[in-house]
PDBML (XML) file of the C-alpha atoms, coordinates in Angstrom:
<?xml version="1.0" encoding="UTF-8" ?>
<PDBx:datablock datablockName="MODEL"
   xmlns:PDBx="http://pdbml.pdb.org/schema/pdbx-v50.xsd"
   xmlns:xsi="http://www.w3.org/2001/XMLSchema-instance"
   xsi:schemaLocation="http://pdbml.pdb.org/schema/pdbx-v50.xsd pdbx-v50.xsd">
   <PDBx:atom_siteCategory>
      <PDBx:atom_site id="1">
         <PDBx:B_iso_or_equiv>0.00</PDBx:B_iso_or_equiv>
         <PDBx:Cartn_x>-50.622</PDBx:Cartn_x>
         <PDBx:Cartn_y>36.283</PDBx:Cartn_y>
         <PDBx:Cartn_z>28.022</PDBx:Cartn_z>
         <PDBx:auth_asym_id>A</PDBx:auth_asym_id>
         <PDBx:auth_atom_id>CA</PDBx:auth_atom_id>
         <PDBx:auth_comp_id>ILE</PDBx:auth_comp_id>
         <PDBx:auth_seq_id>1</PDBx:auth_seq_id>
         <PDBx:group_PDB>ATOM</PDBx:group_PDB>
         <PDBx:label_alt_id xsi:nil="true" />
         <PDBx:label_asym_id>A</PDBx:label_asym_id>
         <PDBx:label_atom_id>CA</PDBx:label_atom_id>
         <PDBx:label_comp_id>ILE</PDBx:label_comp_id>
         <PDBx:label_entity_id>1</PDBx:label_entity_id>
         <PDBx:label_seq_id>1</PDBx:label_seq_id>
         <PDBx:occupancy>1.00</PDBx:occupancy>
         <PDBx:pdbx_PDB_model_num>1</PDBx:pdbx_PDB_model_num>
         <PDBx:type_symbol>C</PDBx:type_symbol>
      </PDBx:atom_site>
      <PDBx:atom_site id="2">
         <PDBx:B_iso_or_equiv>0.00</PDBx:B_iso_or_equiv>
         <PDBx:Cartn_x>-48.042</PDBx:Cartn_x>
         <PDBx:Cartn_y>39.068</PDBx:Cartn_y>
         <PDBx:Cartn_z>27.914</PDBx:Cartn_z>
         <PDBx:auth_asym_id>A</PDBx:auth_asym_id>
         <PDBx:auth_atom_id>CA</PDBx:auth_atom_id>
         <PDBx:auth_comp_id>TRP</PDBx:auth_comp_id>
         <PDBx:auth_seq_id>2</PDBx:auth_seq_id>
         <PDBx:group_PDB>ATOM</PDBx:group_PDB>
         <PDBx:label_alt_id xsi:nil="true" />
         <PDBx:label_asym_id>A</PDBx:label_asym_id>
         <PDBx:label_atom_id>CA</PDBx:label_atom_id>
         <PDBx:label_comp_id>TRP</PDBx:label_comp_id>
         <PDBx:label_entity_id>1</PDBx:label_entity_id>
         <PDBx:label_seq_id>2</PDBx:label_seq_id>
         <PDBx:occupancy>1.00</PDBx:occupancy>
         <PDBx:pdbx_PDB_model_num>1</PDBx:pdbx_PDB_model_num>
         <PDBx:type_symbol>C</PDBx:type_symbol>
      </PDBx:atom_site>
      <PDBx:atom_site id="3">
         <PDBx:B_iso_or_equiv>0.00</PDBx:B_iso_or_equiv>
         <PDBx:Cartn_x>-46.713</PDBx:Cartn_x>
         <PDBx:Cartn_y>38.181</PDBx:Cartn_y>
         <PDBx:Cartn_z>31.374</PDBx:Cartn_z>
         <PDBx:auth_asym_id>A</PDBx:auth_asym_id>
         <PDBx:auth_atom_id>CA</PDBx:auth_atom_id>
         <PDBx:auth_comp_id>LEU</PDBx:auth_comp_id>
         <PDBx:auth_seq_id>3</PDBx:auth_seq_id>
         <PDBx:group_PDB>ATOM</PDBx:group_PDB>
         <PDBx:label_alt_id xsi:nil="true" />
         <PDBx:label_asym_id>A</PDBx:label_asym_id>
         <PDBx:label_atom_id>CA</PDBx:label_atom_id>
         <PDBx:label_comp_id>LEU</PDBx:label_comp_id>
         <PDBx:label_entity_id>1</PDBx:label_entity_id>
         <PDBx:label_seq_id>3</PDBx:label_seq_id>
         <PDBx:occupancy>1.00</PDBx:occupancy>
         <PDBx:pdbx_PDB_model_num>1</PDBx:pdbx_PDB_model_num>
         <PDBx:type_symbol>C</PDBx:type_symbol>
      </PDBx:atom_site>
      <PDBx:atom_site id="4">
         <PDBx:B_iso_or_equiv>0.00</PDBx:B_iso_or_equiv>
         <PDBx:Cartn_x>-46.668</PDBx:Cartn_x>
         <PDBx:Cartn_y>34.419</PDBx:Cartn_y>
         <PDBx:Cartn_z>30.910</PDBx:Cartn_z>
         <PDBx:auth_asym_id>A</PDBx:auth_asym_id>
         <PDBx:auth_atom_id>CA</PDBx:auth_atom_id>
         <PDBx:auth_comp_id>PHE</PDBx:auth_comp_id>
         <PDBx:auth_seq_id>4</PDBx:auth_seq_id>
         <PDBx:group_PDB>ATOM</PDBx:group_PDB>
         <PDBx:label_alt_id xsi:nil="true" />
         <PDBx:label_asym_id>A</PDBx:label_asym_id>
         <PDBx:label_atom_id>CA</PDBx:label_atom_id>
         <PDBx:label_comp_id>PHE</PDBx:label_comp_id>
         <PDBx:label_entity_id>1</PDBx:label_entity_id>
         <PDBx:label_seq_id>4</PDBx:label_seq_id>
         <PDBx:occupancy>1.00</PDBx:occupancy>
         <PDBx:pdbx_PDB_model_num>1</PDBx:pdbx_PDB_model_num>
         <PDBx:type_symbol>C</PDBx:type_symbol>
      </PDBx:atom_site>
      <PDBx:atom_site id="5">
         <PDBx:B_iso_or_equiv>0.00</PDBx:B_iso_or_equiv>
         <PDBx:Cartn_x>-44.882</PDBx:Cartn_x>
         <PDBx:Cartn_y>34.760</PDBx:Cartn_y>
         <PDBx:Cartn_z>27.567</PDBx:Cartn_z>
         <PDBx:auth_asym_id>A</PDBx:auth_asym_id>
         <PDBx:auth_atom_id>CA</PDBx:auth_atom_id>
         <PDBx:auth_comp_id>HIS</PDBx:auth_comp_id>
         <PDBx:auth_seq_id>5</PDBx:auth_seq_id>
         <PDBx:group_PDB>ATOM</PDBx:group_PDB>
         <PDBx:label_alt_id xsi:nil="true" />
         <PDBx:label_asym_id>A</PDBx:label_asym_id>
         <PDBx:label_atom_id>CA</PDBx:label_atom_id>
         <PDBx:label_comp_id>HIS</PDBx:label_comp_id>
         <PDBx:label_entity_id>1</PDBx:label_entity_id>
         <PDBx:label_seq_id>5</PDBx:label_seq_id>
         <PDBx:occupancy>1.00</PDBx:occupancy>
         <PDBx:pdbx_PDB_model_num>1</PDBx:pdbx_PDB_model_num>
         <PDBx:type_symbol>C</PDBx:type_symbol>
      </PDBx:atom_site>
      <PDBx:atom_site id="6">
         <PDBx:B_iso_or_equiv>0.00</PDBx:B_iso_or_equiv>
         <PDBx:Cartn_x>-41.870</PDBx:Cartn_x>
         <PDBx:Cartn_y>36.121</PDBx:Cartn_y>
         <PDBx:Cartn_z>29.484</PDBx:Cartn_z>
         <PDBx:auth_asym_id>A</PDBx:auth_asym_id>
         <PDBx:auth_atom_id>CA</PDBx:auth_atom_id>
         <PDBx:auth_comp_id>LYS</PDBx:auth_comp_id>
         <PDBx:auth_seq_id>6</PDBx:auth_seq_id>
         <PDBx:group_PDB>ATOM</PDBx:group_PDB>
         <PDBx:label_alt_id xsi:nil="true" />
         <PDBx:label_asym_id>A</PDBx:label_asym_id>
         <PDBx:label_atom_id>CA</PDBx:label_atom_id>
         <PDBx:label_comp_id>LYS</PDBx:label_comp_id>
         <PDBx:label_entity_id>1</PDBx:label_entity_id>
         <PDBx:label_seq_id>6</PDBx:label_seq_id>
         <PDBx:occupancy>1.00</PDBx:occupancy>
         <PDBx:pdbx_PDB_model_num>1</PDBx:pdbx_PDB_model_num>
         <PDBx:type_symbol>C</PDBx:type_symbol>
      </PDBx:atom_site>
      <PDBx:atom_site id="7">
         <PDBx:B_iso_or_equiv>0.00</PDBx:B_iso_or_equiv>
         <PDBx:Cartn_x>-42.137</PDBx:Cartn_x>
         <PDBx:Cartn_y>33.767</PDBx:Cartn_y>
         <PDBx:Cartn_z>32.455</PDBx:Cartn_z>
         <PDBx:auth_asym_id>A</PDBx:auth_asym_id>
         <PDBx:auth_atom_id>CA</PDBx:auth_atom_id>
         <PDBx:auth_comp_id>THR</PDBx:auth_comp_id>
         <PDBx:auth_seq_id>7</PDBx:auth_seq_id>
         <PDBx:group_PDB>ATOM</PDBx:group_PDB>
         <PDBx:label_alt_id xsi:nil="true" />
         <PDBx:label_asym_id>A</PDBx:label_asym_id>
         <PDBx:label_atom_id>CA</PDBx:label_atom_id>
         <PDBx:label_comp_id>THR</PDBx:label_comp_id>
         <PDBx:label_entity_id>1</PDBx:label_entity_id>
         <PDBx:label_seq_id>7</PDBx:label_seq_id>
         <PDBx:occupancy>1.00</PDBx:occupancy>
         <PDBx:pdbx_PDB_model_num>1</PDBx:pdbx_PDB_model_num>
         <PDBx:type_symbol>C</PDBx:type_symbol>
      </PDBx:atom_site>
      <PDBx:atom_site id="8">
         <PDBx:B_iso_or_equiv>0.00</PDBx:B_iso_or_equiv>
         <PDBx:Cartn_x>-39.676</PDBx:Cartn_x>
         <PDBx:Cartn_y>31.065</PDBx:Cartn_y>
         <PDBx:Cartn_z>33.403</PDBx:Cartn_z>
         <PDBx:auth_asym_id>A</PDBx:auth_asym_id>
         <PDBx:auth_atom_id>CA</PDBx:auth_atom_id>
         <PDBx:auth_comp_id>ASP</PDBx:auth_comp_id>
         <PDBx:auth_seq_id>8</PDBx:auth_seq_id>
         <PDBx:group_PDB>ATOM</PDBx:group_PDB>
         <PDBx:label_alt_id xsi:nil="true" />
         <PDBx:label_asym_id>A</PDBx:label_asym_id>
         <PDBx:label_atom_id>CA</PDBx:label_atom_id>
         <PDBx:label_comp_id>ASP</PDBx:label_comp_id>
         <PDBx:label_entity_id>1</PDBx:label_entity_id>
         <PDBx:label_seq_id>8</PDBx:label_seq_id>
         <PDBx:occupancy>1.00</PDBx:occupancy>
         <PDBx:pdbx_PDB_model_num>1</PDBx:pdbx_PDB_model_num>
         <PDBx:type_symbol>C</PDBx:type_symbol>
      </PDBx:atom_site>
      <PDBx:atom_site id="9">
         <PDBx:B_iso_or_equiv>0.00</PDBx:B_iso_or_equiv>
         <PDBx:Cartn_x>-42.187</PDBx:Cartn_x>
         <PDBx:Cartn_y>28.499</PDBx:Cartn_y>
         <PDBx:Cartn_z>34.631</PDBx:Cartn_z>
         <PDBx:auth_asym_id>A</PDBx:auth_asym_id>
         <PDBx:auth_atom_id>CA</PDBx:auth_atom_id>
         <PDBx:auth_comp_id>TRP</PDBx:auth_comp_id>
         <PDBx:auth_seq_id>9</PDBx:auth_seq_id>
         <PDBx:group_PDB>ATOM</PDBx:group_PDB>
         <PDBx:label_alt_id xsi:nil="true" />
         <PDBx:label_asym_id>A</PDBx:label_asym_id>
         <PDBx:label_atom_id>CA</PDBx:label_atom_id>
         <PDBx:label_comp_id>TRP</PDBx:label_comp_id>
         <PDBx:label_entity_id>1</PDBx:label_entity_id>
         <PDBx:label_seq_id>9</PDBx:label_seq_id>
         <PDBx:occupancy>1.00</PDBx:occupancy>
         <PDBx:pdbx_PDB_model_num>1</PDBx:pdbx_PDB_model_num>
         <PDBx:type_symbol>C</PDBx:type_symbol>
      </PDBx:atom_site>
      <PDBx:atom_site id="10">
         <PDBx:B_iso_or_equiv>0.00</PDBx:B_iso_or_equiv>
         <PDBx:Cartn_x>-39.615</PDBx:Cartn_x>
         <PDBx:Cartn_y>26.369</PDBx:Cartn_y>
         <PDBx:Cartn_z>36.409</PDBx:Cartn_z>
         <PDBx:auth_asym_id>A</PDBx:auth_asym_id>
         <PDBx:auth_atom_id>CA</PDBx:auth_atom_id>
         <PDBx:auth_comp_id>ALA</PDBx:auth_comp_id>
         <PDBx:auth_seq_id>10</PDBx:auth_seq_id>
         <PDBx:group_PDB>ATOM</PDBx:group_PDB>
         <PDBx:label_alt_id xsi:nil="true" />
         <PDBx:label_asym_id>A</PDBx:label_asym_id>
         <PDBx:label_atom_id>CA</PDBx:label_atom_id>
         <PDBx:label_comp_id>ALA</PDBx:label_comp_id>
         <PDBx:label_entity_id>1</PDBx:label_entity_id>
         <PDBx:label_seq_id>10</PDBx:label_seq_id>
         <PDBx:occupancy>1.00</PDBx:occupancy>
         <PDBx:pdbx_PDB_model_num>1</PDBx:pdbx_PDB_model_num>
         <PDBx:type_symbol>C</PDBx:type_symbol>
      </PDBx:atom_site>
      <PDBx:atom_site id="11">
         <PDBx:B_iso_or_equiv>0.00</PDBx:B_iso_or_equiv>
         <PDBx:Cartn_x>-38.335</PDBx:Cartn_x>
         <PDBx:Cartn_y>29.386</PDBx:Cartn_y>
         <PDBx:Cartn_z>38.344</PDBx:Cartn_z>
         <PDBx:auth_asym_id>A</PDBx:auth_asym_id>
         <PDBx:auth_atom_id>CA</PDBx:auth_atom_id>
         <PDBx:auth_comp_id>ALA</PDBx:auth_comp_id>
         <PDBx:auth_seq_id>11</PDBx:auth_seq_id>
         <PDBx:group_PDB>ATOM</PDBx:group_PDB>
         <PDBx:label_alt_id xsi:nil="true" />
         <PDBx:label_asym_id>A</PDBx:label_asym_id>
         <PDBx:label_atom_id>CA</PDBx:label_atom_id>
         <PDBx:label_comp_id>ALA</PDBx:label_comp_id>
         <PDBx:label_entity_id>1</PDBx:label_entity_id>
         <PDBx:label_seq_id>11</PDBx:label_seq_id>
         <PDBx:occupancy>1.00</PDBx:occupancy>
         <PDBx:pdbx_PDB_model_num>1</PDBx:pdbx_PDB_model_num>
         <PDBx:type_symbol>C</PDBx:type_symbol>
      </PDBx:atom_site>
      <PDBx:atom_site id="12">
         <PDBx:B_iso_or_equiv>0.00</PDBx:B_iso_or_equiv>
         <PDBx:Cartn_x>-41.880</PDBx:Cartn_x>
         <PDBx:Cartn_y>30.548</PDBx:Cartn_y>
         <PDBx:Cartn_z>39.144</PDBx:Cartn_z>
         <PDBx:auth_asym_id>A</PDBx:auth_asym_id>
         <PDBx:auth_atom_id>CA</PDBx:auth_atom_id>
         <PDBx:auth_comp_id>LEU</PDBx:auth_comp_id>
         <PDBx:auth_seq_id>12</PDBx:auth_seq_id>
         <PDBx:group_PDB>ATOM</PDBx:group_PDB>
         <PDBx:label_alt_id xsi:nil="true" />
         <PDBx:label_asym_id>A</PDBx:label_asym_id>
         <PDBx:label_atom_id>CA</PDBx:label_atom_id>
         <PDBx:label_comp_id>LEU</PDBx:label_comp_id>
         <PDBx:label_entity_id>1</PDBx:label_entity_id>
         <PDBx:label_seq_id>12</PDBx:label_seq_id>
         <PDBx:occupancy>1.00</PDBx:occupancy>
         <PDBx:pdbx_PDB_model_num>1</PDBx:pdbx_PDB_model_num>
         <PDBx:type_symbol>C</PDBx:type_symbol>
      </PDBx:atom_site>
      <PDBx:atom_site id="13">
         <PDBx:B_iso_or_equiv>0.00</PDBx:B_iso_or_equiv>
         <PDBx:Cartn_x>-42.852</PDBx:Cartn_x>
         <PDBx:Cartn_y>27.109</PDBx:Cartn_y>
         <PDBx:Cartn_z>40.409</PDBx:Cartn_z>
         <PDBx:auth_asym_id>A</PDBx:auth_asym_id>
         <PDBx:auth_atom_id>CA</PDBx:auth_atom_id>
         <PDBx:auth_comp_id>THR</PDBx:auth_comp_id>
         <PDBx:auth_seq_id>13</PDBx:auth_seq_id>
         <PDBx:group_PDB>ATOM</PDBx:group_PDB>
         <PDBx:label_alt_id xsi:nil="true" />
         <PDBx:label_asym_id>A</PDBx:label_asym_id>
         <PDBx:label_atom_id>CA</PDBx:label_atom_id>
         <PDBx:label_comp_id>THR</PDBx:label_comp_id>
         <PDBx:label_entity_id>1</PDBx:label_entity_id>
         <PDBx:label_seq_id>13</PDBx:label_seq_id>
         <PDBx:occupancy>1.00</PDBx:occupancy>
         <PDBx:pdbx_PDB_model_num>1</PDBx:pdbx_PDB_model_num>
         <PDBx:type_symbol>C</PDBx:type_symbol>
      </PDBx:atom_site>
      <PDBx:atom_site id="14">
         <PDBx:B_iso_or_equiv>0.00</PDBx:B_iso_or_equiv>
         <PDBx:Cartn_x>-39.729</PDBx:Cartn_x>
         <PDBx:Cartn_y>26.948</PDBx:Cartn_y>
         <PDBx:Cartn_z>42.539</PDBx:Cartn_z>
         <PDBx:auth_asym_id>A</PDBx:auth_asym_id>
         <PDBx:auth_atom_id>CA</PDBx:auth_atom_id>
         <PDBx:auth_comp_id>GLN</PDBx:auth_comp_id>
         <PDBx:auth_seq_id>14</PDBx:auth_seq_id>
         <PDBx:group_PDB>ATOM</PDBx:group_PDB>
         <PDBx:label_alt_id xsi:nil="true" />
         <PDBx:label_asym_id>A</PDBx:label_asym_id>
         <PDBx:label_atom_id>CA</PDBx:label_atom_id>
         <PDBx:label_comp_id>GLN</PDBx:label_comp_id>
         <PDBx:label_entity_id>1</PDBx:label_entity_id>
         <PDBx:label_seq_id>14</PDBx:label_seq_id>
         <PDBx:occupancy>1.00</PDBx:occupancy>
         <PDBx:pdbx_PDB_model_num>1</PDBx:pdbx_PDB_model_num>
         <PDBx:type_symbol>C</PDBx:type_symbol>
      </PDBx:atom_site>
      <PDBx:atom_site id="15">
         <PDBx:B_iso_or_equiv>0.00</PDBx:B_iso_or_equiv>
         <PDBx:Cartn_x>-40.639</PDBx:Cartn_x>
         <PDBx:Cartn_y>30.288</PDBx:Cartn_y>
         <PDBx:Cartn_z>44.089</PDBx:Cartn_z>
         <PDBx:auth_asym_id>A</PDBx:auth_asym_id>
         <PDBx:auth_atom_id>CA</PDBx:auth_atom_id>
         <PDBx:auth_comp_id>ARG</PDBx:auth_comp_id>
         <PDBx:auth_seq_id>15</PDBx:auth_seq_id>
         <PDBx:group_PDB>ATOM</PDBx:group_PDB>
         <PDBx:label_alt_id xsi:nil="true" />
         <PDBx:label_asym_id>A</PDBx:label_asym_id>
         <PDBx:label_atom_id>CA</PDBx:label_atom_id>
         <PDBx:label_comp_id>ARG</PDBx:label_comp_id>
         <PDBx:label_entity_id>1</PDBx:label_entity_id>
         <PDBx:label_seq_id>15</PDBx:label_seq_id>
         <PDBx:occupancy>1.00</PDBx:occupancy>
         <PDBx:pdbx_PDB_model_num>1</PDBx:pdbx_PDB_model_num>
         <PDBx:type_symbol>C</PDBx:type_symbol>
      </PDBx:atom_site>
      <PDBx:atom_site id="16">
         <PDBx:B_iso_or_equiv>0.00</PDBx:B_iso_or_equiv>
         <PDBx:Cartn_x>-43.982</PDBx:Cartn_x>
         <PDBx:Cartn_y>28.966</PDBx:Cartn_y>
         <PDBx:Cartn_z>45.244</PDBx:Cartn_z>
         <PDBx:auth_asym_id>A</PDBx:auth_asym_id>
         <PDBx:auth_atom_id>CA</PDBx:auth_atom_id>
         <PDBx:auth_comp_id>PHE</PDBx:auth_comp_id>
         <PDBx:auth_seq_id>16</PDBx:auth_seq_id>
         <PDBx:group_PDB>ATOM</PDBx:group_PDB>
         <PDBx:label_alt_id xsi:nil="true" />
         <PDBx:label_asym_id>A</PDBx:label_asym_id>
         <PDBx:label_atom_id>CA</PDBx:label_atom_id>
         <PDBx:label_comp_id>PHE</PDBx:label_comp_id>
         <PDBx:label_entity_id>1</PDBx:label_entity_id>
         <PDBx:label_seq_id>16</PDBx:label_seq_id>
         <PDBx:occupancy>1.00</PDBx:occupancy>
         <PDBx:pdbx_PDB_model_num>1</PDBx:pdbx_PDB_model_num>
         <PDBx:type_symbol>C</PDBx:type_symbol>
      </PDBx:atom_site>
      <PDBx:atom_site id="17">
         <PDBx:B_iso_or_equiv>0.00</PDBx:B_iso_or_equiv>
         <PDBx:Cartn_x>-42.493</PDBx:Cartn_x>
         <PDBx:Cartn_y>25.706</PDBx:Cartn_y>
         <PDBx:Cartn_z>46.525</PDBx:Cartn_z>
         <PDBx:auth_asym_id>A</PDBx:auth_asym_id>
         <PDBx:auth_atom_id>CA</PDBx:auth_atom_id>
         <PDBx:auth_comp_id>LEU</PDBx:auth_comp_id>
         <PDBx:auth_seq_id>17</PDBx:auth_seq_id>
         <PDBx:group_PDB>ATOM</PDBx:group_PDB>
         <PDBx:label_alt_id xsi:nil="true" />
         <PDBx:label_asym_id>A</PDBx:label_asym_id>
         <PDBx:label_atom_id>CA</PDBx:label_atom_id>
         <PDBx:label_comp_id>LEU</PDBx:label_comp_id>
         <PDBx:label_entity_id>1</PDBx:label_entity_id>
         <PDBx:label_seq_id>17</PDBx:label_seq_id>
         <PDBx:occupancy>1.00</PDBx:occupancy>
         <PDBx:pdbx_PDB_model_num>1</PDBx:pdbx_PDB_model_num>
         <PDBx:type_symbol>C</PDBx:type_symbol>
      </PDBx:atom_site>
      <PDBx:atom_site id="18">
         <PDBx:B_iso_or_equiv>0.00</PDBx:B_iso_or_equiv>
         <PDBx:Cartn_x>-40.105</PDBx:Cartn_x>
         <PDBx:Cartn_y>27.686</PDBx:Cartn_y>
         <PDBx:Cartn_z>48.725</PDBx:Cartn_z>
         <PDBx:auth_asym_id>A</PDBx:auth_asym_id>
         <PDBx:auth_atom_id>CA</PDBx:auth_atom_id>
         <PDBx:auth_comp_id>GLN</PDBx:auth_comp_id>
         <PDBx:auth_seq_id>18</PDBx:auth_seq_id>
         <PDBx:group_PDB>ATOM</PDBx:group_PDB>
         <PDBx:label_alt_id xsi:nil="true" />
         <PDBx:label_asym_id>A</PDBx:label_asym_id>
         <PDBx:label_atom_id>CA</PDBx:label_atom_id>
         <PDBx:label_comp_id>GLN</PDBx:label_comp_id>
         <PDBx:label_entity_id>1</PDBx:label_entity_id>
         <PDBx:label_seq_id>18</PDBx:label_seq_id>
         <PDBx:occupancy>1.00</PDBx:occupancy>
         <PDBx:pdbx_PDB_model_num>1</PDBx:pdbx_PDB_model_num>
         <PDBx:type_symbol>C</PDBx:type_symbol>
      </PDBx:atom_site>
      <PDBx:atom_site id="19">
         <PDBx:B_iso_or_equiv>0.00</PDBx:B_iso_or_equiv>
         <PDBx:Cartn_x>-42.741</PDBx:Cartn_x>
         <PDBx:Cartn_y>29.920</PDBx:Cartn_y>
         <PDBx:Cartn_z>50.331</PDBx:Cartn_z>
         <PDBx:auth_asym_id>A</PDBx:auth_asym_id>
         <PDBx:auth_atom_id>CA</PDBx:auth_atom_id>
         <PDBx:auth_comp_id>ILE</PDBx:auth_comp_id>
         <PDBx:auth_seq_id>19</PDBx:auth_seq_id>
         <PDBx:group_PDB>ATOM</PDBx:group_PDB>
         <PDBx:label_alt_id xsi:nil="true" />
         <PDBx:label_asym_id>A</PDBx:label_asym_id>
         <PDBx:label_atom_id>CA</PDBx:label_atom_id>
         <PDBx:label_comp_id>ILE</PDBx:label_comp_id>
         <PDBx:label_entity_id>1</PDBx:label_entity_id>
         <PDBx:label_seq_id>19</PDBx:label_seq_id>
         <PDBx:occupancy>1.00</PDBx:occupancy>
         <PDBx:pdbx_PDB_model_num>1</PDBx:pdbx_PDB_model_num>
         <PDBx:type_symbol>C</PDBx:type_symbol>
      </PDBx:atom_site>
      <PDBx:atom_site id="20">
         <PDBx:B_iso_or_equiv>0.00</PDBx:B_iso_or_equiv>
         <PDBx:Cartn_x>-42.145</PDBx:Cartn_x>
         <PDBx:Cartn_y>30.468</PDBx:Cartn_y>
         <PDBx:Cartn_z>54.017</PDBx:Cartn_z>
         <PDBx:auth_asym_id>A</PDBx:auth_asym_id>
         <PDBx:auth_atom_id>CA</PDBx:auth_atom_id>
         <PDBx:auth_comp_id>ARG</PDBx:auth_comp_id>
         <PDBx:auth_seq_id>20</PDBx:auth_seq_id>
         <PDBx:group_PDB>ATOM</PDBx:group_PDB>
         <PDBx:label_alt_id xsi:nil="true" />
         <PDBx:label_asym_id>A</PDBx:label_asym_id>
         <PDBx:label_atom_id>CA</PDBx:label_atom_id>
         <PDBx:label_comp_id>ARG</PDBx:label_comp_id>
         <PDBx:label_entity_id>1</PDBx:label_entity_id>
         <PDBx:label_seq_id>20</PDBx:label_seq_id>
         <PDBx:occupancy>1.00</PDBx:occupancy>
         <PDBx:pdbx_PDB_model_num>1</PDBx:pdbx_PDB_model_num>
         <PDBx:type_symbol>C</PDBx:type_symbol>
      </PDBx:atom_site>
      <PDBx:atom_site id="21">
         <PDBx:B_iso_or_equiv>0.00</PDBx:B_iso_or_equiv>
         <PDBx:Cartn_x>-45.488</PDBx:Cartn_x>
         <PDBx:Cartn_y>29.419</PDBx:Cartn_y>
         <PDBx:Cartn_z>55.448</PDBx:Cartn_z>
         <PDBx:auth_asym_id>A</PDBx:auth_asym_id>
         <PDBx:auth_atom_id>CA</PDBx:auth_atom_id>
         <PDBx:auth_comp_id>ILE</PDBx:auth_comp_id>
         <PDBx:auth_seq_id>21</PDBx:auth_seq_id>
         <PDBx:group_PDB>ATOM</PDBx:group_PDB>
         <PDBx:label_alt_id xsi:nil="true" />
         <PDBx:label_asym_id>A</PDBx:label_asym_id>
         <PDBx:label_atom_id>CA</PDBx:label_atom_id>
         <PDBx:label_comp_id>ILE</PDBx:label_comp_id>
         <PDBx:label_entity_id>1</PDBx:label_entity_id>
         <PDBx:label_seq_id>21</PDBx:label_seq_id>
         <PDBx:occupancy>1.00</PDBx:occupancy>
         <PDBx:pdbx_PDB_model_num>1</PDBx:pdbx_PDB_model_num>
         <PDBx:type_symbol>C</PDBx:type_symbol>
      </PDBx:atom_site>
      <PDBx:atom_site id="22">
         <PDBx:B_iso_or_equiv>0.00</PDBx:B_iso_or_equiv>
         <PDBx:Cartn_x>-45.349</PDBx:Cartn_x>
         <PDBx:Cartn_y>31.427</PDBx:Cartn_y>
         <PDBx:Cartn_z>58.728</PDBx:Cartn_z>
         <PDBx:auth_asym_id>A</PDBx:auth_asym_id>
         <PDBx:auth_atom_id>CA</PDBx:auth_atom_id>
         <PDBx:auth_comp_id>PRO</PDBx:auth_comp_id>
         <PDBx:auth_seq_id>22</PDBx:auth_seq_id>
         <PDBx:group_PDB>ATOM</PDBx:group_PDB>
         <PDBx:label_alt_id xsi:nil="true" />
         <PDBx:label_asym_id>A</PDBx:label_asym_id>
         <PDBx:label_atom_id>CA</PDBx:label_atom_id>
         <PDBx:label_comp_id>PRO</PDBx:label_comp_id>
         <PDBx:label_entity_id>1</PDBx:label_entity_id>
         <PDBx:label_seq_id>22</PDBx:label_seq_id>
         <PDBx:occupancy>1.00</PDBx:occupancy>
         <PDBx:pdbx_PDB_model_num>1</PDBx:pdbx_PDB_model_num>
         <PDBx:type_symbol>C</PDBx:type_symbol>
      </PDBx:atom_site>
      <PDBx:atom_site id="23">
         <PDBx:B_iso_or_equiv>0.00</PDBx:B_iso_or_equiv>
         <PDBx:Cartn_x>-44.920</PDBx:Cartn_x>
         <PDBx:Cartn_y>34.679</PDBx:Cartn_y>
         <PDBx:Cartn_z>56.773</PDBx:Cartn_z>
         <PDBx:auth_asym_id>A</PDBx:auth_asym_id>
         <PDBx:auth_atom_id>CA</PDBx:auth_atom_id>
         <PDBx:auth_comp_id>TRP</PDBx:auth_comp_id>
         <PDBx:auth_seq_id>23</PDBx:auth_seq_id>
         <PDBx:group_PDB>ATOM</PDBx:group_PDB>
         <PDBx:label_alt_id xsi:nil="true" />
         <PDBx:label_asym_id>A</PDBx:label_asym_id>
         <PDBx:label_atom_id>CA</PDBx:label_atom_id>
         <PDBx:label_comp_id>TRP</PDBx:label_comp_id>
         <PDBx:label_entity_id>1</PDBx:label_entity_id>
         <PDBx:label_seq_id>23</PDBx:label_seq_id>
         <PDBx:occupancy>1.00</PDBx:occupancy>
         <PDBx:pdbx_PDB_model_num>1</PDBx:pdbx_PDB_model_num>
         <PDBx:type_symbol>C</PDBx:type_symbol>
      </PDBx:atom_site>
      <PDBx:atom_site id="24">
         <PDBx:B_iso_or_equiv>0.00</PDBx:B_iso_or_equiv>
         <PDBx:Cartn_x>-47.755</PDBx:Cartn_x>
         <PDBx:Cartn_y>33.702</PDBx:Cartn_y>
         <PDBx:Cartn_z>54.418</PDBx:Cartn_z>
         <PDBx:auth_asym_id>A</PDBx:auth_asym_id>
         <PDBx:auth_atom_id>CA</PDBx:auth_atom_id>
         <PDBx:auth_comp_id>PHE</PDBx:auth_comp_id>
         <PDBx:auth_seq_id>24</PDBx:auth_seq_id>
         <PDBx:group_PDB>ATOM</PDBx:group_PDB>
         <PDBx:label_alt_id xsi:nil="true" />
         <PDBx:label_asym_id>A</PDBx:label_asym_id>
         <PDBx:label_atom_id>CA</PDBx:label_atom_id>
         <PDBx:label_comp_id>PHE</PDBx:label_comp_id>
         <PDBx:label_entity_id>1</PDBx:label_entity_id>
         <PDBx:label_seq_id>24</PDBx:label_seq_id>
         <PDBx:occupancy>1.00</PDBx:occupancy>
         <PDBx:pdbx_PDB_model_num>1</PDBx:pdbx_PDB_model_num>
         <PDBx:type_symbol>C</PDBx:type_symbol>
      </PDBx:atom_site>
   </PDBx:atom_siteCategory>
</PDBx:datablock>
């Protein structure tokens, strides 16, 4: 709750959409 209160959800989602699959 504390973390998500400060989270920019659009930016967080964009981070996951741009994951480099080979590194993962």
